């Protein structure tokens, strides 16, 4: 692997996590603004959506597979 591929993989990893975070925030916003009927539900949907996204976040293996699938850039293996 070249340094350029390492930099591309790092960049695509940051982009993937940014998309995941933004999707979570948008989903929480939709739940709070359009689904919740009172303040208690607003608080619950706002807090628990973010907490569930943290607990159920994708692991590194899954993210690497998806980055390879969509961009063609794979993670480097360190050989020593």
Protein backbone atom coordinates (compact mmCIF):
# COMPACT_ATOMS: atom_id res chain seq x y z
CA UNK A 1 0.00 0.00 0.00
CA UNK A 2 1.19 3.45 -0.72
CA UNK A 3 0.93 6.47 1.49
CA UNK A 4 -1.69 7.85 -0.88
CA UNK A 5 -3.95 4.84 -0.30
CA UNK A 6 -3.49 5.17 3.46
CA UNK A 7 -4.51 8.81 3.26
CA UNK A 8 -7.51 7.97 1.10
CA UNK A 9 -8.65 5.26 3.51
CA UNK A 10 -8.32 7.66 6.44
CA UNK A 11 -10.29 10.30 4.54
CA UNK A 12 -13.06 7.87 3.56
CA UNK A 13 -13.27 6.59 7.14
CA UNK A 14 -13.82 10.14 8.39
CA UNK A 15 -16.46 10.71 5.70
CA UNK A 16 -18.25 7.46 6.62
CA UNK A 17 -18.38 8.37 10.32
CA UNK A 18 -19.54 11.89 9.48
CA UNK A 19 -22.39 10.47 7.40
CA UNK A 20 -23.31 8.09 10.23
CA UNK A 21 -23.36 10.91 12.79
CA UNK A 22 -25.40 13.23 10.55
CA UNK A 23 -27.92 10.48 9.77
CA UNK A 24 -28.31 9.81 13.49
CA UNK A 25 -28.87 13.49 14.25
CA UNK A 26 -31.42 13.83 11.44
CA UNK A 27 -33.25 10.70 12.60
CA UNK A 28 -33.35 11.98 16.18
CA UNK A 29 -34.59 15.36 14.95
CA UNK A 30 -37.40 13.77 12.96
CA UNK A 31 -38.46 11.71 15.96
CA UNK A 32 -38.39 14.70 18.29
CA UNK A 33 -40.10 17.16 15.95
CA UNK A 34 -42.66 15.01 14.18
CA UNK A 35 -43.28 11.84 16.19
CA UNK A 36 -43.14 12.93 19.82
CA UNK A 37 -46.42 14.18 21.23
CA UNK A 38 -45.32 15.71 24.52
CA UNK A 39 -42.17 16.90 26.30
CA UNK A 40 -41.50 13.56 27.93
CA UNK A 41 -41.47 11.78 24.56
CA UNK A 42 -39.30 14.52 23.04
CA UNK A 43 -36.74 14.01 25.77
CA UNK A 44 -36.89 10.22 25.46
CA UNK A 45 -36.61 10.14 21.66
CA UNK A 46 -33.83 12.71 21.64
CA UNK A 47 -31.76 10.98 24.28
CA UNK A 48 -32.39 7.35 23.46
CA UNK A 49 -31.88 7.69 19.70
CA UNK A 50 -28.37 9.00 20.24
CA UNK A 51 -27.67 6.41 22.95
CA UNK A 52 -28.89 3.56 20.73
CA UNK A 53 -26.78 4.83 17.84
CA UNK A 54 -23.74 4.76 20.13
CA UNK A 55 -24.43 1.26 21.44
CA UNK A 56 -25.30 -0.18 18.04
CA UNK A 57 -22.57 1.64 16.10
CA UNK A 58 -20.90 -0.33 13.31
CA UNK A 59 -17.57 -1.92 14.12
CA UNK A 60 -14.35 -1.33 12.23
CA UNK A 61 -14.65 -4.53 10.21
CA UNK A 62 -18.07 -3.56 8.85
CA UNK A 63 -16.93 -0.01 8.06
CA UNK A 64 -13.84 -1.33 6.25
CA UNK A 65 -15.99 -3.63 4.11
CA UNK A 66 -18.34 -0.81 3.19
CA UNK A 67 -15.50 1.58 2.38
CA UNK A 68 -13.96 -1.07 0.15
CA UNK A 69 -17.34 -1.73 -1.47
CA UNK A 70 -18.13 1.90 -2.28
CA UNK A 71 -14.67 3.38 -2.90
CA UNK A 72 -12.35 0.50 -3.73
CA UNK A 73 -9.84 1.56 -1.06
CA UNK A 74 -8.90 -1.08 1.50
CA UNK A 75 -7.32 -0.82 4.91
CA UNK A 76 -3.60 -1.43 5.08
CA UNK A 77 -2.11 -4.36 6.94
CA UNK A 78 0.97 -3.54 8.94
CA UNK A 79 3.80 -5.91 8.11
CA UNK A 80 6.74 -5.90 10.48
